[in-house]
């Protein structure tokens, strides 16, 4: 069953343990990969580079030789189409390798237990850097570029409560 068991939410949160079961879908993993790539310095530089190329075409296109325009268009295609396509192919491979089965996250007083049928890992709250959110994902960061992803759908409308719960635990570790 995907998501929280609604009737258990209150009792598990009161016991300081919240369990969420879900399967990471390919689109969730791809959203995470794209998000992490475009908020990184590489993504910002790529975005600014593409804007510069587009600006150059708009303002100086009439003055540029056809070969220069062709080179600019090739770079735009490379950065706007090829890079996301390359990331998608890598995401497919990663999804098949690591995300083919259901995961269970248990949010406990001491940290987060993440498990599937093959492995189990416990992450103490002291290792959690921050919690973030995209439209469809909750991101539990271990560093600026490493995070565990949790689909918002798996929270069954309780994502704000979960984010507040994690933030409370992170604040407690810093006091």
C-alpha atoms as a PDB file:
ATOM      1  CA  UNK A   1       0.000   0.000   0.000  1.00  0.00           C
ATOM      2  CA  UNK A   2       1.450   3.379  -1.002  1.00  0.00           C
ATOM      3  CA  UNK A   3       1.570   6.152   1.553  1.00  0.00           C
ATOM      4  CA  UNK A   4       0.653   6.592   5.175  1.00  0.00           C
ATOM      5  CA  UNK A   5      -1.924   4.580   6.923  1.00  0.00           C
ATOM      6  CA  UNK A   6      -4.174   7.520   7.815  1.00  0.00           C
ATOM      7  CA  UNK A   7      -5.688   5.914  10.894  1.00  0.00           C
ATOM      8  CA  UNK A   8      -2.220   5.251  12.324  1.00  0.00           C
ATOM      9  CA  UNK A   9      -0.808   8.748  11.686  1.00  0.00           C
ATOM     10  CA  UNK A  10      -1.829  10.240  15.047  1.00  0.00           C
ATOM     11  CA  UNK A  11      -0.894   7.249  17.160  1.00  0.00           C
ATOM     12  CA  UNK A  12       2.486   6.841  15.461  1.00  0.00           C
ATOM     13  CA  UNK A  13       3.345  10.526  15.679  1.00  0.00           C
ATOM     14  CA  UNK A  14       2.426  10.517  19.384  1.00  0.00           C
ATOM     15  CA  UNK A  15       4.697   7.542  19.941  1.00  0.00           C
ATOM     16  CA  UNK A  16       7.357   9.605  18.175  1.00  0.00           C
ATOM     17  CA  UNK A  17       7.425   7.189  15.266  1.00  0.00           C
ATOM     18  CA  UNK A  18       5.938   7.818  11.876  1.00  0.00           C
ATOM     19  CA  UNK A  19       6.028   5.138   9.174  1.00  0.00           C
ATOM     20  CA  UNK A  20       5.675   5.851   5.475  1.00  0.00           C
ATOM     21  CA  UNK A  21       5.775   3.168   2.772  1.00  0.00           C
ATOM     22  CA  UNK A  22       6.198   4.025  -0.875  1.00  0.00           C
ATOM     23  CA  UNK A  23       7.831   3.077  -4.112  1.00  0.00           C
ATOM     24  CA  UNK A  24       9.928   5.756  -5.810  1.00  0.00           C
ATOM     25  CA  UNK A  25       8.628   6.214  -9.327  1.00  0.00           C
ATOM     26  CA  UNK A  26      10.863   7.084 -12.261  1.00  0.00           C
ATOM     27  CA  UNK A  27       9.285  10.537 -12.608  1.00  0.00           C
ATOM     28  CA  UNK A  28       9.997  11.288  -8.917  1.00  0.00           C
ATOM     29  CA  UNK A  29      13.630  10.318  -9.286  1.00  0.00           C
ATOM     30  CA  UNK A  30      13.952  12.320 -12.516  1.00  0.00           C
ATOM     31  CA  UNK A  31      12.391  15.383 -10.872  1.00  0.00           C
ATOM     32  CA  UNK A  32      14.978  15.077  -8.097  1.00  0.00           C
ATOM     33  CA  UNK A  33      17.883  14.691 -10.548  1.00  0.00           C
ATOM     34  CA  UNK A  34      16.764  17.666 -12.654  1.00  0.00           C
ATOM     35  CA  UNK A  35      16.147  19.780  -9.545  1.00  0.00           C
ATOM     36  CA  UNK A  36      19.558  18.979  -8.057  1.00  0.00           C
ATOM     37  CA  UNK A  37      21.311  19.646 -11.362  1.00  0.00           C
ATOM     38  CA  UNK A  38      19.656  22.971 -11.980  1.00  0.00           C
ATOM     39  CA  UNK A  39      20.029  24.370  -8.464  1.00  0.00           C
ATOM     40  CA  UNK A  40      23.732  23.475  -8.461  1.00  0.00           C
ATOM     41  CA  UNK A  41      26.409  25.858  -9.687  1.00  0.00           C
ATOM     42  CA  UNK A  42      26.610  23.821 -12.904  1.00  0.00           C
ATOM     43  CA  UNK A  43      22.910  24.342 -13.523  1.00  0.00           C
ATOM     44  CA  UNK A  44      23.051  28.057 -12.815  1.00  0.00           C
ATOM     45  CA  UNK A  45      26.040  28.494 -15.150  1.00  0.00           C
ATOM     46  CA  UNK A  46      24.299  26.451 -17.852  1.00  0.00           C
ATOM     47  CA  UNK A  47      21.148  28.541 -17.499  1.00  0.00           C
ATOM     48  CA  UNK A  48      23.091  31.816 -17.698  1.00  0.00           C
ATOM     49  CA  UNK A  49      25.098  30.502 -20.667  1.00  0.00           C
ATOM     50  CA  UNK A  50      21.892  29.626 -22.528  1.00  0.00           C
ATOM     51  CA  UNK A  51      20.387  33.031 -21.746  1.00  0.00           C
ATOM     52  CA  UNK A  52      23.553  34.681 -23.069  1.00  0.00           C
ATOM     53  CA  UNK A  53      23.384  32.633 -26.274  1.00  0.00           C
ATOM     54  CA  UNK A  54      19.714  33.463 -26.773  1.00  0.00           C
ATOM     55  CA  UNK A  55      20.392  37.134 -26.066  1.00  0.00           C
ATOM     56  CA  UNK A  56      23.244  37.107 -28.569  1.00  0.00           C
ATOM     57  CA  UNK A  57      20.989  35.594 -31.212  1.00  0.00           C
ATOM     58  CA  UNK A  58      18.188  38.073 -30.538  1.00  0.00           C
ATOM     59  CA  UNK A  59      20.328  41.199 -30.472  1.00  0.00           C
ATOM     60  CA  UNK A  60      23.139  40.304 -32.884  1.00  0.00           C
ATOM     61  CA  UNK A  61      21.630  37.575 -35.054  1.00  0.00           C
ATOM     62  CA  UNK A  62      21.434  39.817 -38.104  1.00  0.00           C
ATOM     63  CA  UNK A  63      25.134  40.659 -37.843  1.00  0.00           C
ATOM     64  CA  UNK A  64      26.430  37.119 -37.249  1.00  0.00           C
ATOM     65  CA  UNK A  65      27.567  34.841 -40.071  1.00  0.00           C
ATOM     66  CA  UNK A  66      25.364  31.789 -40.700  1.00  0.00           C
ATOM     67  CA  UNK A  67      28.096  29.451 -39.381  1.00  0.00           C
ATOM     68  CA  UNK A  68      28.204  31.335 -36.051  1.00  0.00           C
ATOM     69  CA  UNK A  69      24.410  31.142 -35.784  1.00  0.00           C
ATOM     70  CA  UNK A  70      24.581  27.406 -36.491  1.00  0.00           C
ATOM     71  CA  UNK A  71      27.198  26.950 -33.730  1.00  0.00           C
ATOM     72  CA  UNK A  72      25.047  28.913 -31.256  1.00  0.00           C
ATOM     73  CA  UNK A  73      21.998  26.813 -32.138  1.00  0.00           C
ATOM     74  CA  UNK A  74      24.035  23.607 -31.717  1.00  0.00           C
ATOM     75  CA  UNK A  75      25.132  24.749 -28.232  1.00  0.00           C
ATOM     76  CA  UNK A  76      21.547  25.606 -27.310  1.00  0.00           C
ATOM     77  CA  UNK A  77      20.330  22.194 -28.472  1.00  0.00           C
ATOM     78  CA  UNK A  78      23.159  20.559 -26.557  1.00  0.00           C
ATOM     79  CA  UNK A  79      22.332  22.332 -23.287  1.00  0.00           C
ATOM     80  CA  UNK A  80      18.556  22.547 -23.582  1.00  0.00           C
ATOM     81  CA  UNK A  81      17.770  19.117 -25.052  1.00  0.00           C
ATOM     82  CA  UNK A  82      20.761  16.797 -24.818  1.00  0.00           C
ATOM     83  CA  UNK A  83      21.679  17.453 -21.178  1.00  0.00           C
ATOM     84  CA  UNK A  84      18.159  16.695 -19.813  1.00  0.00           C
ATOM     85  CA  UNK A  85      17.983  13.646 -22.097  1.00  0.00           C
ATOM     86  CA  UNK A  86      21.340  12.409 -20.780  1.00  0.00           C
ATOM     87  CA  UNK A  87      20.107  12.921 -17.218  1.00  0.00           C
ATOM     88  CA  UNK A  88      16.933  10.996 -18.056  1.00  0.00           C
ATOM     89  CA  UNK A  89      18.908   8.010 -19.372  1.00  0.00           C
ATOM     90  CA  UNK A  90      21.096   8.025 -16.231  1.00  0.00           C
ATOM     91  CA  UNK A  91      17.956   8.253 -14.099  1.00  0.00           C
ATOM     92  CA  UNK A  92      16.421   5.221 -15.827  1.00  0.00           C
ATOM     93  CA  UNK A  93      19.563   3.194 -15.101  1.00  0.00           C
ATOM     94  CA  UNK A  94      19.667   4.363 -11.468  1.00  0.00           C
ATOM     95  CA  UNK A  95      15.953   3.653 -11.002  1.00  0.00           C
ATOM     96  CA  UNK A  96      16.290   0.092 -12.317  1.00  0.00           C
ATOM     97  CA  UNK A  97      19.371  -0.519 -10.173  1.00  0.00           C
ATOM     98  CA  UNK A  98      18.304   1.013  -6.857  1.00  0.00           C
ATOM     99  CA  UNK A  99      14.617   1.871  -6.756  1.00  0.00           C
ATOM    100  CA  UNK A 100      12.740  -1.141  -8.038  1.00  0.00           C
ATOM    101  CA  UNK A 101      11.167  -2.038  -4.719  1.00  0.00           C
ATOM    102  CA  UNK A 102       9.154  -0.435  -1.941  1.00  0.00           C
ATOM    103  CA  UNK A 103      10.870   1.605   0.763  1.00  0.00           C
ATOM    104  CA  UNK A 104       9.786   2.265   4.306  1.00  0.00           C
ATOM    105  CA  UNK A 105      10.832   5.417   6.163  1.00  0.00           C
ATOM    106  CA  UNK A 106      10.385   5.399   9.923  1.00  0.00           C
ATOM    107  CA  UNK A 107      10.733   8.818  11.530  1.00  0.00           C
ATOM    108  CA  UNK A 108      11.723   8.160  15.132  1.00  0.00           C
ATOM    109  CA  UNK A 109      12.877  10.150  18.127  1.00  0.00           C
ATOM    110  CA  UNK A 110      16.568   9.442  17.405  1.00  0.00           C
ATOM    111  CA  UNK A 111      16.497   9.639  13.600  1.00  0.00           C
ATOM    112  CA  UNK A 112      15.201   8.099  10.385  1.00  0.00           C
ATOM    113  CA  UNK A 113      15.251   4.388   9.633  1.00  0.00           C
ATOM    114  CA  UNK A 114      15.142   3.679   5.897  1.00  0.00           C
ATOM    115  CA  UNK A 115      14.627   0.109   4.780  1.00  0.00           C
ATOM    116  CA  UNK A 116      13.613  -2.142   1.954  1.00  0.00           C
ATOM    117  CA  UNK A 117      13.658  -5.924   1.629  1.00  0.00           C
ATOM    118  CA  UNK A 118      17.443  -5.988   1.080  1.00  0.00           C
ATOM    119  CA  UNK A 119      18.874  -3.382   3.429  1.00  0.00           C
ATOM    120  CA  UNK A 120      18.270  -1.135   6.378  1.00  0.00           C
ATOM    121  CA  UNK A 121      19.929   2.149   7.301  1.00  0.00           C
ATOM    122  CA  UNK A 122      19.525   4.425  10.307  1.00  0.00           C
ATOM    123  CA  UNK A 123      20.328   8.133  10.038  1.00  0.00           C
ATOM    124  CA  UNK A 124      20.653  10.070  13.266  1.00  0.00           C
ATOM    125  CA  UNK A 125      19.045  13.516  13.270  1.00  0.00           C
ATOM    126  CA  UNK A 126      22.516  15.016  13.753  1.00  0.00           C
ATOM    127  CA  UNK A 127      23.330  14.011  10.158  1.00  0.00           C
ATOM    128  CA  UNK A 128      20.291  15.744   8.676  1.00  0.00           C
ATOM    129  CA  UNK A 129      21.302  19.040   7.083  1.00  0.00           C
ATOM    130  CA  UNK A 130      17.824  20.380   6.268  1.00  0.00           C
ATOM    131  CA  UNK A 131      14.472  19.452   4.786  1.00  0.00           C
ATOM    132  CA  UNK A 132      13.165  20.929   1.548  1.00  0.00           C
ATOM    133  CA  UNK A 133      10.270  20.563  -0.803  1.00  0.00           C
ATOM    134  CA  UNK A 134       9.543  20.663  -4.507  1.00  0.00           C
ATOM    135  CA  UNK A 135       6.070  20.408  -6.003  1.00  0.00           C
ATOM    136  CA  UNK A 136       6.062  16.598  -5.788  1.00  0.00           C
ATOM    137  CA  UNK A 137       8.899  15.699  -3.394  1.00  0.00           C
ATOM    138  CA  UNK A 138      10.066  16.164   0.158  1.00  0.00           C
ATOM    139  CA  UNK A 139      13.860  16.257   0.255  1.00  0.00           C
ATOM    140  CA  UNK A 140      15.697  15.243   3.426  1.00  0.00           C
ATOM    141  CA  UNK A 141      19.208  16.580   2.915  1.00  0.00           C
ATOM    142  CA  UNK A 142      22.331  15.003   4.366  1.00  0.00           C
ATOM    143  CA  UNK A 143      24.447  17.660   2.618  1.00  0.00           C
ATOM    144  CA  UNK A 144      23.889  20.368   0.021  1.00  0.00           C
ATOM    145  CA  UNK A 145      23.976  17.811  -2.812  1.00  0.00           C
ATOM    146  CA  UNK A 146      22.829  14.557  -1.154  1.00  0.00           C
ATOM    147  CA  UNK A 147      19.255  13.913  -0.102  1.00  0.00           C
ATOM    148  CA  UNK A 148      16.691  11.217   0.447  1.00  0.00           C
ATOM    149  CA  UNK A 149      13.531  11.712  -1.548  1.00  0.00           C
ATOM    150  CA  UNK A 150      10.029  11.155  -0.341  1.00  0.00           C
ATOM    151  CA  UNK A 151       7.107  11.570  -2.752  1.00  0.00           C
ATOM    152  CA  UNK A 152       4.536  14.073  -1.464  1.00  0.00           C
ATOM    153  CA  UNK A 153       1.769  11.660  -2.568  1.00  0.00           C
ATOM    154  CA  UNK A 154       3.036   9.148  -0.008  1.00  0.00           C
ATOM    155  CA  UNK A 155       2.170  11.619   2.773  1.00  0.00           C
ATOM    156  CA  UNK A 156      -1.515  11.596   1.856  1.00  0.00           C
ATOM    157  CA  UNK A 157      -1.993  15.323   2.534  1.00  0.00           C
ATOM    158  CA  UNK A 158       0.129  15.369   5.703  1.00  0.00           C
ATOM    159  CA  UNK A 159       3.341  16.677   4.101  1.00  0.00           C
ATOM    160  CA  UNK A 160       3.324  19.955   6.063  1.00  0.00           C
ATOM    161  CA  UNK A 161       3.059  18.051   9.334  1.00  0.00           C
ATOM    162  CA  UNK A 162       5.923  15.781   8.281  1.00  0.00           C
ATOM    163  CA  UNK A 163       8.139  18.724   7.280  1.00  0.00           C
ATOM    164  CA  UNK A 164       7.343  20.452  10.589  1.00  0.00           C
ATOM    165  CA  UNK A 165       8.145  17.221  12.458  1.00  0.00           C
ATOM    166  CA  UNK A 166      11.525  16.898  10.704  1.00  0.00           C
ATOM    167  CA  UNK A 167      12.302  20.592  11.246  1.00  0.00           C
ATOM    168  CA  UNK A 168      11.505  20.214  14.957  1.00  0.00           C
ATOM    169  CA  UNK A 169      13.920  17.282  15.185  1.00  0.00           C
ATOM    170  CA  UNK A 170      16.621  19.207  13.294  1.00  0.00           C
ATOM    171  CA  UNK A 171      16.153  22.246  15.579  1.00  0.00           C
ATOM    172  CA  UNK A 172      16.412  20.041  18.669  1.00  0.00           C
ATOM    173  CA  UNK A 173      19.760  18.659  17.503  1.00  0.00           C
ATOM    174  CA  UNK A 174      21.100  22.210  17.107  1.00  0.00           C
ATOM    175  CA  UNK A 175      20.183  23.283  20.662  1.00  0.00           C
END
